[in-house]
C-alpha atoms as a PDB file:
ATOM      1  CA  MET A   1      84.357 -17.021  16.701  1.00  0.00           C
ATOM      2  CA  PRO A   2      82.290 -15.000  14.058  1.00  0.00           C
ATOM      3  CA  LYS A   3      80.668 -11.917  14.515  1.00  0.00           C
ATOM      4  CA  VAL A   4      77.340 -11.769  13.438  1.00  0.00           C
ATOM      5  CA  LEU A   5      75.092  -8.788  13.010  1.00  0.00           C
ATOM      6  CA  LEU A   6      71.492  -9.536  13.749  1.00  0.00           C
ATOM      7  CA  LEU A   7      69.016  -6.693  11.844  1.00  0.00           C
ATOM      8  CA  GLN A   8      65.636  -7.303  13.293  1.00  0.00           C
ATOM      9  CA  PHE A   9      62.914  -5.422  15.428  1.00  0.00           C
ATOM     10  CA  HIS A  10      63.278  -5.757  19.154  1.00  0.00           C
ATOM     11  CA  SER A  11      59.142  -5.854  18.846  1.00  0.00           C
ATOM     12  CA  ASP A  12      59.196  -8.703  16.705  1.00  0.00           C
ATOM     13  CA  PRO A  13      57.767 -11.721  18.655  1.00  0.00           C
ATOM     14  CA  GLU A  14      60.676 -14.218  16.748  1.00  0.00           C
ATOM     15  CA  SER A  15      63.196 -11.972  18.076  1.00  0.00           C
ATOM     16  CA  VAL A  16      64.478 -13.797  21.177  1.00  0.00           C
ATOM     17  CA  ALA A  17      64.765 -16.869  19.707  1.00  0.00           C
ATOM     18  CA  HIS A  18      66.645 -15.652  16.506  1.00  0.00           C
ATOM     19  CA  ARG A  19      68.793 -14.378  19.320  1.00  0.00           C
ATOM     20  CA  ASP A  20      69.274 -17.413  21.472  1.00  0.00           C
ATOM     21  CA  MET A  21      69.908 -19.384  17.924  1.00  0.00           C
ATOM     22  CA  LEU A  22      72.823 -17.222  17.157  1.00  0.00           C
ATOM     23  CA  SER A  23      74.013 -17.128  20.713  1.00  0.00           C
ATOM     24  CA  GLY A  24      74.023 -20.718  20.909  1.00  0.00           C
ATOM     25  CA  LEU A  25      75.833 -21.318  17.908  1.00  0.00           C
ATOM     26  CA  GLY A  26      79.013 -19.591  19.459  1.00  0.00           C
ATOM     27  CA  ALA A  27      78.691 -16.526  17.708  1.00  0.00           C
ATOM     28  CA  LYS A  28      79.502 -12.892  18.766  1.00  0.00           C
ATOM     29  CA  LEU A  29      76.268 -11.320  18.181  1.00  0.00           C
ATOM     30  CA  VAL A  30      75.821  -7.656  17.662  1.00  0.00           C
ATOM     31  CA  GLU A  31      72.146  -6.418  16.987  1.00  0.00           C
ATOM     32  CA  ASP A  32      70.455  -3.475  15.419  1.00  0.00           C
ATOM     33  CA  GLU A  33      67.063  -2.806  14.281  1.00  0.00           C
ATOM     34  CA  PRO A  34      66.890  -2.211  10.432  1.00  0.00           C
ATOM     35  CA  ARG A  35      66.389   1.131   9.818  1.00  0.00           C
ATOM     36  CA  TRP A  36      68.550   3.757   8.156  1.00  0.00           C
ATOM     37  CA  PRO A  37      71.013   5.019   8.734  1.00  0.00           C
ATOM     38  CA  THR A  38      71.321   3.299  12.306  1.00  0.00           C
ATOM     39  CA  PHE A  39      72.252  -0.097  11.187  1.00  0.00           C
ATOM     40  CA  PHE A  40      74.814   1.019   8.435  1.00  0.00           C
ATOM     41  CA  ASP A  41      76.546   2.955  10.832  1.00  0.00           C
ATOM     42  CA  THR A  42      76.589   0.001  13.066  1.00  0.00           C
ATOM     43  CA  LEU A  43      77.921  -2.429  10.262  1.00  0.00           C
ATOM     44  CA  ASN A  44      80.502   0.218   9.163  1.00  0.00           C
ATOM     45  CA  ARG A  45      81.645  -0.203  12.918  1.00  0.00           C
ATOM     46  CA  GLU A  46      81.401  -3.366  13.734  1.00  0.00           C
ATOM     47  CA  ARG A  47      82.331  -4.899  10.429  1.00  0.00           C
ATOM     48  CA  PRO A  48      80.721  -8.344  11.204  1.00  0.00           C
ATOM     49  CA  ASP A  49      81.773 -11.787   9.311  1.00  0.00           C
ATOM     50  CA  VAL A  50      78.064 -12.306   8.314  1.00  0.00           C
ATOM     51  CA  VAL A  51      74.582 -10.005   8.612  1.00  0.00           C
ATOM     52  CA  VAL A  52      71.457 -11.719   9.130  1.00  0.00           C
ATOM     53  CA  ILE A  53      68.319 -10.002   8.572  1.00  0.00           C
ATOM     54  CA  SER A  54      64.690 -10.969   9.656  1.00  0.00           C
ATOM     55  CA  LEU A  55      62.240 -10.219   7.798  1.00  0.00           C
ATOM     56  CA  GLY A  56      59.414 -11.353  10.298  1.00  0.00           C
ATOM     57  CA  LYS A  57      58.347  -7.892  11.317  1.00  0.00           C
ATOM     58  CA  ILE A  58      58.455  -5.359   8.473  1.00  0.00           C
ATOM     59  CA  PRO A  59      59.609  -7.280   5.451  1.00  0.00           C
ATOM     60  CA  SER A  60      60.260  -4.269   3.318  1.00  0.00           C
ATOM     61  CA  HIS A  61      62.586  -2.577   5.904  1.00  0.00           C
ATOM     62  CA  GLY A  62      64.755  -5.666   5.867  1.00  0.00           C
ATOM     63  CA  ARG A  63      64.694  -5.851   2.030  1.00  0.00           C
ATOM     64  CA  GLU A  64      65.980  -2.298   2.249  1.00  0.00           C
ATOM     65  CA  ALA A  65      68.538  -2.865   4.435  1.00  0.00           C
ATOM     66  CA  ALA A  66      69.997  -5.615   2.535  1.00  0.00           C
ATOM     67  CA  ARG A  67      69.795  -3.596  -0.548  1.00  0.00           C
ATOM     68  CA  TYR A  68      71.877  -1.183   0.934  1.00  0.00           C
ATOM     69  CA  ILE A  69      74.670  -3.617   2.302  1.00  0.00           C
ATOM     70  CA  LYS A  70      74.609  -5.012  -1.461  1.00  0.00           C
ATOM     71  CA  ASP A  71      74.976  -1.659  -2.811  1.00  0.00           C
ATOM     72  CA  GLY A  72      77.572  -0.272  -0.369  1.00  0.00           C
ATOM     73  CA  PHE A  73      81.244   0.101  -1.840  1.00  0.00           C
ATOM     74  CA  ASN A  74      82.855  -1.557   1.401  1.00  0.00           C
ATOM     75  CA  THR A  75      80.061  -3.821   2.180  1.00  0.00           C
ATOM     76  CA  ARG A  76      78.686  -5.323  -1.011  1.00  0.00           C
ATOM     77  CA  ASN A  77      81.225  -8.776  -0.192  1.00  0.00           C
ATOM     78  CA  MET A  78      79.526  -9.178   2.932  1.00  0.00           C
ATOM     79  CA  PRO A  79      77.260 -12.316   3.103  1.00  0.00           C
ATOM     80  CA  VAL A  80      73.739 -11.774   3.881  1.00  0.00           C
ATOM     81  CA  ILE A  81      71.352 -14.034   5.250  1.00  0.00           C
ATOM     82  CA  LEU A  82      67.613 -13.192   5.398  1.00  0.00           C
ATOM     83  CA  THR A  83      65.212 -15.295   7.600  1.00  0.00           C
ATOM     84  CA  ASP A  84      61.562 -15.386   7.883  1.00  0.00           C
ATOM     85  CA  VAL A  85      60.778 -14.320   4.514  1.00  0.00           C
ATOM     86  CA  PRO A  86      57.210 -14.377   3.608  1.00  0.00           C
ATOM     87  CA  ALA A  87      55.648 -16.959   1.711  1.00  0.00           C
ATOM     88  CA  LYS A  88      54.604 -14.987  -1.139  1.00  0.00           C
ATOM     89  CA  ASP A  89      58.121 -13.678  -1.608  1.00  0.00           C
ATOM     90  CA  ILE A  90      59.438 -17.178  -1.869  1.00  0.00           C
END
């Protein structure tokens, strides 16, 4: 069973849908908000197979979290999936 780190704000209206969808796929779900440095501590402690970042609530925080993951020596090879990307950013 893959371990997925879901980074999203708990106040995001889509957070329940994201959580339910990933849990329904049989993934072991670990969740945190994309706030520095707490998400990075969770990332290094849990060592997930994939990171899913929601850009729904505060897109700049999600993009910054993705940048930290891709710049980190121990995390740069982790797959990162961005969801709820604003139309202007596509």
